[in-house]
Amino acid sequence: MTAGANAGTLVDPGAAAVTGAIAPVPAGEAPAGVTLRPRWIEPRRGDGPSVPDAAPSRDWRDGSRIVVHSLSARTQTAALVEEMLGRLGAEKVERRSVDATTSIDQVRFFHVGDAAMAAELGTTLEPLFGDVRVRDLTFYRPLPESGTLEIWLR
């Protein structure tokens, strides 16, 4: 973003100019006619294939592969998450011990078409873990197969 010729104008290449003061929107509130979506679940401009509007949203329980990553010390928590997801109808759930993890619980997706599934899975986990971030890893290479979601436990 660069400062425009007029004070209070910001110019973002590829986007229209925004004029006037920019004030933060209080959490949970949006101006009339505007839908707020968390930026971290939306693909970046120009990244990944486009998704047809008519494509039905898939459910994370059907046909997805969910891999639960945790430190060795959190194996019991990972086992409980695996069992819970199975009871909720997930068809393929695996556990993987890792040597390092994240500072916050995450659900990661690798294909633009899996973003809604990842967001729904994150929402499912929030009553247990609190804030669960959904991470867009569509830039990651090599890409795992479509439908792969990763849960990273802190």
N, C-alpha and C. Protein backbone atom coordinates (compact mmCIF):
# COMPACT_ATOMS: atom_id res chain seq x y z
N MET A 1 0.84 -1.18 0.00
CA MET A 1 0.00 0.00 0.00
C MET A 1 0.88 1.24 0.00
N THR A 2 0.47 2.21 -0.74
CA THR A 2 1.23 3.45 -0.79
C THR A 2 0.29 4.61 -0.50
N ALA A 3 0.85 5.70 0.00
CA ALA A 3 0.03 6.88 0.27
C ALA A 3 -0.35 7.53 -1.05
N GLY A 4 -1.61 7.87 -1.19
CA GLY A 4 -2.09 8.51 -2.41
C GLY A 4 -1.79 10.00 -2.40
N ALA A 5 -2.19 10.68 -3.47
CA ALA A 5 -1.93 12.11 -3.59
C ALA A 5 -2.70 12.89 -2.53
N ASN A 6 -3.90 12.45 -2.18
CA ASN A 6 -4.71 13.15 -1.18
C ASN A 6 -4.45 12.54 0.18
N ALA A 7 -4.42 13.39 1.20
CA ALA A 7 -4.24 12.88 2.56
C ALA A 7 -5.44 12.00 2.90
N GLY A 8 -5.19 10.90 3.57
CA GLY A 8 -6.27 10.00 3.95
C GLY A 8 -6.63 9.00 2.87
N THR A 9 -5.87 8.95 1.78
CA THR A 9 -6.16 8.02 0.70
C THR A 9 -5.07 6.95 0.67
N LEU A 10 -5.48 5.71 0.69
CA LEU A 10 -4.55 4.60 0.57
C LEU A 10 -4.80 3.90 -0.75
N VAL A 11 -3.72 3.56 -1.42
CA VAL A 11 -3.86 2.89 -2.70
C VAL A 11 -3.21 1.52 -2.59
N ASP A 12 -3.97 0.50 -2.90
CA ASP A 12 -3.49 -0.88 -2.88
C ASP A 12 -3.48 -1.34 -4.33
N PRO A 13 -2.30 -1.67 -4.88
CA PRO A 13 -2.28 -2.13 -6.26
C PRO A 13 -3.26 -3.29 -6.43
N GLY A 14 -4.09 -3.21 -7.46
CA GLY A 14 -5.06 -4.26 -7.71
C GLY A 14 -6.37 -4.05 -6.98
N ALA A 15 -6.50 -2.99 -6.21
CA ALA A 15 -7.74 -2.71 -5.51
C ALA A 15 -8.09 -1.24 -5.71
N ALA A 16 -9.34 -0.92 -5.48
CA ALA A 16 -9.79 0.46 -5.64
C ALA A 16 -9.24 1.33 -4.50
N ALA A 17 -9.14 2.61 -4.75
CA ALA A 17 -8.66 3.54 -3.72
C ALA A 17 -9.69 3.66 -2.61
N VAL A 18 -9.22 3.80 -1.41
CA VAL A 18 -10.09 3.98 -0.26
C VAL A 18 -9.83 5.38 0.25
N THR A 19 -10.90 6.17 0.39
CA THR A 19 -10.71 7.55 0.83
C THR A 19 -11.31 7.75 2.21
N GLY A 20 -10.87 8.80 2.87
CA GLY A 20 -11.38 9.13 4.19
C GLY A 20 -10.62 8.41 5.28
N ALA A 21 -11.00 8.68 6.50
CA ALA A 21 -10.34 8.05 7.64
C ALA A 21 -10.74 6.58 7.71
N ILE A 22 -9.82 5.76 8.09
CA ILE A 22 -10.10 4.33 8.24
C ILE A 22 -10.15 4.05 9.72
N ALA A 23 -11.33 3.67 10.20
CA ALA A 23 -11.50 3.40 11.62
C ALA A 23 -11.70 1.90 11.81
N PRO A 24 -11.18 1.34 12.89
CA PRO A 24 -11.37 -0.09 13.12
C PRO A 24 -12.83 -0.41 13.37
N VAL A 25 -13.25 -1.58 12.92
CA VAL A 25 -14.61 -2.04 13.14
C VAL A 25 -14.61 -2.88 14.41
N PRO A 26 -15.49 -2.58 15.37
CA PRO A 26 -15.53 -3.38 16.60
C PRO A 26 -15.78 -4.85 16.28
N ALA A 27 -15.19 -5.74 17.07
CA ALA A 27 -15.33 -7.17 16.85
C ALA A 27 -16.79 -7.56 16.79
N GLY A 28 -17.14 -8.37 15.79
CA GLY A 28 -18.49 -8.87 15.66
C GLY A 28 -19.45 -7.90 14.98
N GLU A 29 -19.02 -6.70 14.66
CA GLU A 29 -19.88 -5.72 14.01
C GLU A 29 -19.39 -5.45 12.61
N ALA A 30 -20.33 -5.28 11.69
CA ALA A 30 -19.98 -4.96 10.32
C ALA A 30 -20.94 -3.90 9.82
N PRO A 31 -20.45 -3.02 8.93
CA PRO A 31 -21.36 -2.04 8.34
C PRO A 31 -22.48 -2.75 7.59
N ALA A 32 -23.61 -2.10 7.45
CA ALA A 32 -24.75 -2.69 6.76
C ALA A 32 -24.34 -3.17 5.37
N GLY A 33 -24.74 -4.36 5.04
CA GLY A 33 -24.47 -4.91 3.71
C GLY A 33 -23.08 -5.49 3.53
N VAL A 34 -22.27 -5.55 4.61
CA VAL A 34 -20.91 -6.06 4.52
C VAL A 34 -20.80 -7.33 5.36
N THR A 35 -20.23 -8.38 4.79
CA THR A 35 -19.99 -9.61 5.52
C THR A 35 -18.52 -9.68 5.87
N LEU A 36 -18.21 -9.79 7.15
CA LEU A 36 -16.82 -9.91 7.59
C LEU A 36 -16.41 -11.37 7.56
N ARG A 37 -15.25 -11.63 6.96
CA ARG A 37 -14.69 -12.97 6.96
C ARG A 37 -13.26 -12.86 7.43
N PRO A 38 -12.83 -13.77 8.31
CA PRO A 38 -11.43 -13.71 8.75
C PRO A 38 -10.50 -13.83 7.56
N ARG A 39 -9.52 -12.93 7.47
CA ARG A 39 -8.59 -12.92 6.35
C ARG A 39 -7.76 -14.19 6.28
N TRP A 40 -7.48 -14.82 7.42
CA TRP A 40 -6.60 -15.96 7.44
C TRP A 40 -7.21 -17.22 6.85
N ILE A 41 -8.50 -17.24 6.51
CA ILE A 41 -9.05 -18.42 5.84
C ILE A 41 -9.31 -18.15 4.36
N GLU A 42 -9.03 -16.94 3.91
CA GLU A 42 -9.23 -16.62 2.51
C GLU A 42 -7.92 -16.75 1.74
N PRO A 43 -7.99 -17.32 0.54
CA PRO A 43 -6.76 -17.41 -0.26
C PRO A 43 -6.27 -16.03 -0.66
N ARG A 44 -4.97 -15.89 -0.83
CA ARG A 44 -4.40 -14.63 -1.30
C ARG A 44 -4.76 -14.42 -2.77
N ARG A 45 -4.77 -13.16 -3.18
CA ARG A 45 -5.05 -12.86 -4.58
C ARG A 45 -4.10 -13.59 -5.49
N GLY A 46 -4.65 -14.33 -6.46
CA GLY A 46 -3.83 -14.98 -7.46
C GLY A 46 -3.23 -16.31 -7.02
N ASP A 47 -3.44 -16.72 -5.76
CA ASP A 47 -2.89 -17.99 -5.30
C ASP A 47 -3.90 -19.11 -5.53
N GLY A 48 -3.44 -20.22 -6.03
CA GLY A 48 -4.26 -21.41 -6.16
C GLY A 48 -5.30 -21.29 -7.24
N PRO A 49 -5.95 -22.41 -7.54
CA PRO A 49 -6.97 -22.42 -8.57
C PRO A 49 -8.25 -21.75 -8.09
N SER A 50 -9.04 -21.26 -9.02
CA SER A 50 -10.31 -20.67 -8.63
C SER A 50 -11.31 -21.79 -8.36
N VAL A 51 -12.26 -21.53 -7.48
CA VAL A 51 -13.26 -22.52 -7.12
C VAL A 51 -14.58 -22.09 -7.74
N PRO A 52 -15.22 -22.97 -8.51
CA PRO A 52 -16.50 -22.60 -9.12
C PRO A 52 -17.53 -22.28 -8.04
N ASP A 53 -18.38 -21.28 -8.30
CA ASP A 53 -19.40 -20.89 -7.34
C ASP A 53 -20.38 -22.02 -7.05
N ALA A 54 -20.62 -22.88 -8.03
CA ALA A 54 -21.61 -23.93 -7.89
C ALA A 54 -21.07 -25.15 -7.14
N ALA A 55 -19.78 -25.16 -6.82
CA ALA A 55 -19.19 -26.32 -6.15
C ALA A 55 -19.77 -26.45 -4.74
N PRO A 56 -20.33 -27.62 -4.42
CA PRO A 56 -20.89 -27.80 -3.08
C PRO A 56 -19.78 -27.86 -2.04
N SER A 57 -20.05 -27.32 -0.87
CA SER A 57 -19.08 -27.36 0.21
C SER A 57 -19.02 -28.77 0.77
N ARG A 58 -17.80 -29.29 0.92
CA ARG A 58 -17.64 -30.64 1.46
C ARG A 58 -17.62 -30.58 2.98
N ASP A 59 -18.02 -31.67 3.60
CA ASP A 59 -18.01 -31.79 5.05
C ASP A 59 -16.72 -32.47 5.46
N TRP A 60 -16.07 -31.98 6.51
CA TRP A 60 -14.79 -32.54 6.95
C TRP A 60 -14.92 -33.99 7.39
N ARG A 61 -16.13 -34.44 7.69
CA ARG A 61 -16.34 -35.83 8.12
C ARG A 61 -16.27 -36.82 6.96
N ASP A 62 -16.61 -36.36 5.76
CA ASP A 62 -16.74 -37.23 4.60
C ASP A 62 -15.57 -37.09 3.64
N GLY A 63 -14.74 -38.10 3.58
CA GLY A 63 -13.69 -38.13 2.57
C GLY A 63 -12.45 -37.32 2.86
N SER A 64 -12.41 -36.59 3.97
CA SER A 64 -11.19 -35.84 4.27
C SER A 64 -10.24 -36.74 5.05
N ARG A 65 -8.98 -36.40 4.98
CA ARG A 65 -7.95 -37.08 5.77
C ARG A 65 -7.47 -36.07 6.79
N ILE A 66 -7.65 -36.38 8.07
CA ILE A 66 -7.29 -35.46 9.14
C ILE A 66 -6.09 -36.03 9.88
N VAL A 67 -5.03 -35.24 9.98
CA VAL A 67 -3.81 -35.67 10.67
C VAL A 67 -3.63 -34.77 11.89
N VAL A 68 -3.63 -35.38 13.07
CA VAL A 68 -3.48 -34.65 14.33
C VAL A 68 -2.01 -34.67 14.72
N HIS A 69 -1.37 -33.50 14.76
CA HIS A 69 0.04 -33.37 15.14
C HIS A 69 0.14 -32.89 16.58
N SER A 70 1.01 -33.55 17.35
CA SER A 70 1.22 -33.11 18.74
C SER A 70 2.60 -33.52 19.20
N LEU A 71 3.07 -32.86 20.25
CA LEU A 71 4.31 -33.26 20.89
C LEU A 71 4.10 -34.62 21.55
N SER A 72 5.16 -35.36 21.74
CA SER A 72 5.07 -36.67 22.39
C SER A 72 4.40 -36.56 23.75
N ALA A 73 4.65 -35.47 24.47
CA ALA A 73 4.06 -35.27 25.79
C ALA A 73 2.55 -35.07 25.73
N ARG A 74 2.01 -34.76 24.56
CA ARG A 74 0.57 -34.51 24.41
C ARG A 74 -0.13 -35.66 23.68
N THR A 75 0.48 -36.83 23.67
CA THR A 75 -0.08 -37.98 22.96
C THR A 75 -1.49 -38.31 23.44
N GLN A 76 -1.73 -38.22 24.74
CA GLN A 76 -3.05 -38.53 25.27
C GLN A 76 -4.09 -37.55 24.75
N THR A 77 -3.75 -36.27 24.68
CA THR A 77 -4.68 -35.27 24.14
C THR A 77 -4.97 -35.56 22.68
N ALA A 78 -3.93 -35.89 21.92
CA ALA A 78 -4.12 -36.22 20.50
C ALA A 78 -5.01 -37.44 20.34
N ALA A 79 -4.84 -38.43 21.20
CA ALA A 79 -5.68 -39.63 21.14
C ALA A 79 -7.14 -39.28 21.43
N LEU A 80 -7.37 -38.38 22.39
CA LEU A 80 -8.75 -37.96 22.69
C LEU A 80 -9.37 -37.21 21.51
N VAL A 81 -8.58 -36.35 20.86
CA VAL A 81 -9.07 -35.62 19.69
C VAL A 81 -9.40 -36.62 18.57
N GLU A 82 -8.51 -37.58 18.35
CA GLU A 82 -8.75 -38.60 17.32
C GLU A 82 -10.05 -39.37 17.61
N GLU A 83 -10.23 -39.78 18.85
CA GLU A 83 -11.45 -40.51 19.22
C GLU A 83 -12.69 -39.65 19.04
N MET A 84 -12.63 -38.39 19.48
CA MET A 84 -13.77 -37.49 19.35
C MET A 84 -14.16 -37.30 17.89
N LEU A 85 -13.16 -37.05 17.03
CA LEU A 85 -13.45 -36.84 15.61
C LEU A 85 -14.07 -38.09 15.01
N GLY A 86 -13.58 -39.27 15.40
CA GLY A 86 -14.17 -40.52 14.93
C GLY A 86 -15.62 -40.66 15.35
N ARG A 87 -15.91 -40.31 16.60
CA ARG A 87 -17.29 -40.38 17.09
C ARG A 87 -18.20 -39.37 16.40
N LEU A 88 -17.60 -38.26 15.94
CA LEU A 88 -18.39 -37.26 15.20
C LEU A 88 -18.56 -37.62 13.73
N GLY A 89 -17.93 -38.73 13.31
CA GLY A 89 -18.15 -39.21 11.95
C GLY A 89 -16.99 -39.07 10.99
N ALA A 90 -15.82 -38.60 11.46
CA ALA A 90 -14.66 -38.49 10.57
C ALA A 90 -14.24 -39.89 10.12
N GLU A 91 -14.00 -40.03 8.83
CA GLU A 91 -13.67 -41.34 8.27
C GLU A 91 -12.19 -41.69 8.39
N LYS A 92 -11.30 -40.72 8.22
CA LYS A 92 -9.86 -40.97 8.26
C LYS A 92 -9.18 -39.98 9.20
N VAL A 93 -8.74 -40.48 10.36
CA VAL A 93 -8.03 -39.63 11.31
C VAL A 93 -6.74 -40.36 11.69
N GLU A 94 -5.63 -39.64 11.64
CA GLU A 94 -4.32 -40.20 12.00
C GLU A 94 -3.70 -39.31 13.06
N ARG A 95 -2.75 -39.88 13.80
CA ARG A 95 -1.98 -39.10 14.75
C ARG A 95 -0.51 -39.13 14.34
N ARG A 96 0.16 -38.03 14.60
CA ARG A 96 1.59 -37.94 14.29
C ARG A 96 2.29 -37.16 15.40
N SER A 97 3.32 -37.78 15.99
CA SER A 97 4.13 -37.07 17.00
C SER A 97 5.17 -36.24 16.29
N VAL A 98 5.36 -35.02 16.78
CA VAL A 98 6.34 -34.10 16.19
C VAL A 98 7.26 -33.58 17.28
N ASP A 99 8.43 -33.09 16.89
CA ASP A 99 9.41 -32.57 17.84
C ASP A 99 9.17 -31.10 18.20
N ALA A 100 8.46 -30.38 17.36
CA ALA A 100 8.16 -28.97 17.61
C ALA A 100 6.73 -28.71 17.15
N THR A 101 6.10 -27.76 17.77
CA THR A 101 4.72 -27.46 17.40
C THR A 101 4.50 -25.95 17.44
N THR A 102 3.26 -25.54 17.36
CA THR A 102 2.92 -24.12 17.30
C THR A 102 2.54 -23.59 18.68
N SER A 103 2.45 -22.28 18.80
CA SER A 103 2.09 -21.66 20.08
C SER A 103 0.57 -21.57 20.26
N ILE A 104 -0.18 -21.85 19.20
CA ILE A 104 -1.64 -21.82 19.26
C ILE A 104 -2.17 -22.99 18.44
N ASP A 105 -3.29 -23.55 18.87
CA ASP A 105 -3.89 -24.67 18.14
C ASP A 105 -4.30 -24.21 16.75
N GLN A 106 -4.07 -25.07 15.76
CA GLN A 106 -4.33 -24.70 14.37
C GLN A 106 -4.98 -25.84 13.60
N VAL A 107 -5.76 -25.46 12.58
CA VAL A 107 -6.21 -26.38 11.54
C VAL A 107 -5.63 -25.82 10.25
N ARG A 108 -4.91 -26.66 9.52
CA ARG A 108 -4.25 -26.23 8.28
C ARG A 108 -4.90 -26.89 7.07
N PHE A 109 -5.03 -26.12 5.99
CA PHE A 109 -5.52 -26.68 4.73
C PHE A 109 -4.55 -26.33 3.62
N PHE A 110 -4.58 -27.13 2.55
CA PHE A 110 -3.58 -27.01 1.49
C PHE A 110 -4.18 -26.73 0.12
N HIS A 111 -5.49 -26.80 -0.01
CA HIS A 111 -6.18 -26.54 -1.28
C HIS A 111 -7.30 -25.54 -1.01
N VAL A 112 -7.47 -24.59 -1.91
CA VAL A 112 -8.49 -23.54 -1.75
C VAL A 112 -9.86 -24.16 -1.49
N GLY A 113 -10.16 -25.25 -2.18
CA GLY A 113 -11.46 -25.90 -2.01
C GLY A 113 -11.68 -26.53 -0.65
N ASP A 114 -10.64 -26.63 0.17
CA ASP A 114 -10.75 -27.22 1.50
C ASP A 114 -10.87 -26.18 2.61
N ALA A 115 -10.88 -24.90 2.26
CA ALA A 115 -10.91 -23.82 3.26
C ALA A 115 -12.16 -23.89 4.13
N ALA A 116 -13.32 -24.13 3.54
CA ALA A 116 -14.56 -24.17 4.33
C ALA A 116 -14.55 -25.36 5.28
N MET A 117 -14.03 -26.50 4.81
CA MET A 117 -13.93 -27.68 5.70
C MET A 117 -13.04 -27.37 6.89
N ALA A 118 -11.90 -26.73 6.63
CA ALA A 118 -10.96 -26.40 7.70
C ALA A 118 -11.59 -25.44 8.71
N ALA A 119 -12.33 -24.45 8.21
CA ALA A 119 -12.99 -23.49 9.11
C ALA A 119 -14.03 -24.20 9.97
N GLU A 120 -14.78 -25.10 9.37
CA GLU A 120 -15.80 -25.84 10.12
C GLU A 120 -15.16 -26.75 11.18
N LEU A 121 -14.06 -27.40 10.81
CA LEU A 121 -13.35 -28.25 11.76
C LEU A 121 -12.79 -27.40 12.91
N GLY A 122 -12.25 -26.24 12.60
CA GLY A 122 -11.76 -25.33 13.64
C GLY A 122 -12.86 -24.92 14.60
N THR A 123 -14.03 -24.63 14.07
CA THR A 123 -15.19 -24.27 14.89
C THR A 123 -15.59 -25.44 15.79
N THR A 124 -15.49 -26.66 15.27
CA THR A 124 -15.81 -27.85 16.05
C THR A 124 -14.86 -28.01 17.23
N LEU A 125 -13.59 -27.65 17.05
CA LEU A 125 -12.58 -27.81 18.09
C LEU A 125 -12.57 -26.69 19.13
N GLU A 126 -13.12 -25.53 18.79
CA GLU A 126 -13.04 -24.37 19.69
C GLU A 126 -13.65 -24.58 21.08
N PRO A 127 -14.76 -25.31 21.24
CA PRO A 127 -15.26 -25.52 22.60
C PRO A 127 -14.25 -26.26 23.50
N LEU A 128 -13.38 -27.05 22.91
CA LEU A 128 -12.38 -27.78 23.68
C LEU A 128 -11.10 -26.99 23.91
N PHE A 129 -10.67 -26.25 22.89
CA PHE A 129 -9.35 -25.62 22.92
C PHE A 129 -9.37 -24.10 22.96
N GLY A 130 -10.53 -23.50 22.86
CA GLY A 130 -10.57 -22.04 22.78
C GLY A 130 -10.26 -21.60 21.36
N ASP A 131 -9.41 -20.62 21.21
CA ASP A 131 -9.07 -20.08 19.90
C ASP A 131 -8.31 -21.11 19.07
N VAL A 132 -8.88 -21.48 17.92
CA VAL A 132 -8.22 -22.40 16.98
C VAL A 132 -8.07 -21.63 15.67
N ARG A 133 -6.83 -21.43 15.24
CA ARG A 133 -6.57 -20.68 14.00
C ARG A 133 -6.65 -21.60 12.80
N VAL A 134 -7.18 -21.08 11.72
CA VAL A 134 -7.21 -21.81 10.46
C VAL A 134 -6.13 -21.21 9.58
N ARG A 135 -5.19 -22.03 9.11
CA ARG A 135 -4.03 -21.56 8.34
C ARG A 135 -4.13 -22.00 6.89
N ASP A 136 -3.94 -21.06 6.00
CA ASP A 136 -3.92 -21.30 4.56
C ASP A 136 -2.50 -21.69 4.16
N LEU A 137 -2.30 -22.94 3.76
CA LEU A 137 -0.99 -23.41 3.31
C LEU A 137 -1.05 -23.84 1.85
N THR A 138 -1.83 -23.12 1.05
CA THR A 138 -1.94 -23.46 -0.37
C THR A 138 -0.63 -23.23 -1.11
N PHE A 139 0.30 -22.49 -0.51
CA PHE A 139 1.61 -22.24 -1.14
C PHE A 139 2.59 -23.38 -0.85
N TYR A 140 2.28 -24.26 0.08
CA TYR A 140 3.18 -25.33 0.50
C TYR A 140 3.41 -26.32 -0.64
N ARG A 141 4.64 -26.77 -0.79
CA ARG A 141 4.99 -27.78 -1.79
C ARG A 141 5.87 -28.82 -1.15
N PRO A 142 5.69 -30.08 -1.44
CA PRO A 142 4.67 -30.64 -2.33
C PRO A 142 3.31 -30.65 -1.63
N LEU A 143 2.26 -30.42 -2.41
CA LEU A 143 0.91 -30.41 -1.87
C LEU A 143 0.45 -31.82 -1.54
N PRO A 144 -0.14 -32.01 -0.36
CA PRO A 144 -0.79 -33.30 -0.11
C PRO A 144 -2.08 -33.38 -0.93
N GLU A 145 -2.72 -34.51 -0.95
CA GLU A 145 -3.93 -34.66 -1.76
C GLU A 145 -5.05 -33.76 -1.23
N SER A 146 -5.94 -33.40 -2.11
CA SER A 146 -7.09 -32.57 -1.74
C SER A 146 -7.87 -33.28 -0.63
N GLY A 147 -8.37 -32.52 0.32
CA GLY A 147 -9.12 -33.09 1.43
C GLY A 147 -8.27 -33.34 2.66
N THR A 148 -6.96 -33.09 2.56
CA THR A 148 -6.08 -33.28 3.72
C THR A 148 -6.15 -32.06 4.62
N LEU A 149 -6.47 -32.28 5.87
CA LEU A 149 -6.50 -31.22 6.89
C LEU A 149 -5.57 -31.64 8.00
N GLU A 150 -4.82 -30.70 8.53
CA GLU A 150 -3.92 -30.99 9.64
C GLU A 150 -4.37 -30.20 10.87
N ILE A 151 -4.40 -30.88 12.01
CA ILE A 151 -4.63 -30.23 13.29
C ILE A 151 -3.28 -30.21 14.00
N TRP A 152 -2.85 -29.03 14.42
CA TRP A 152 -1.60 -28.90 15.19
C TRP A 152 -1.98 -28.45 16.58
N LEU A 153 -1.68 -29.30 17.57
CA LEU A 153 -1.99 -28.98 18.97
C LEU A 153 -0.78 -28.30 19.59
N ARG A 154 -1.03 -27.23 20.34
CA ARG A 154 0.08 -26.52 20.99
C ARG A 154 0.67 -27.32 22.10
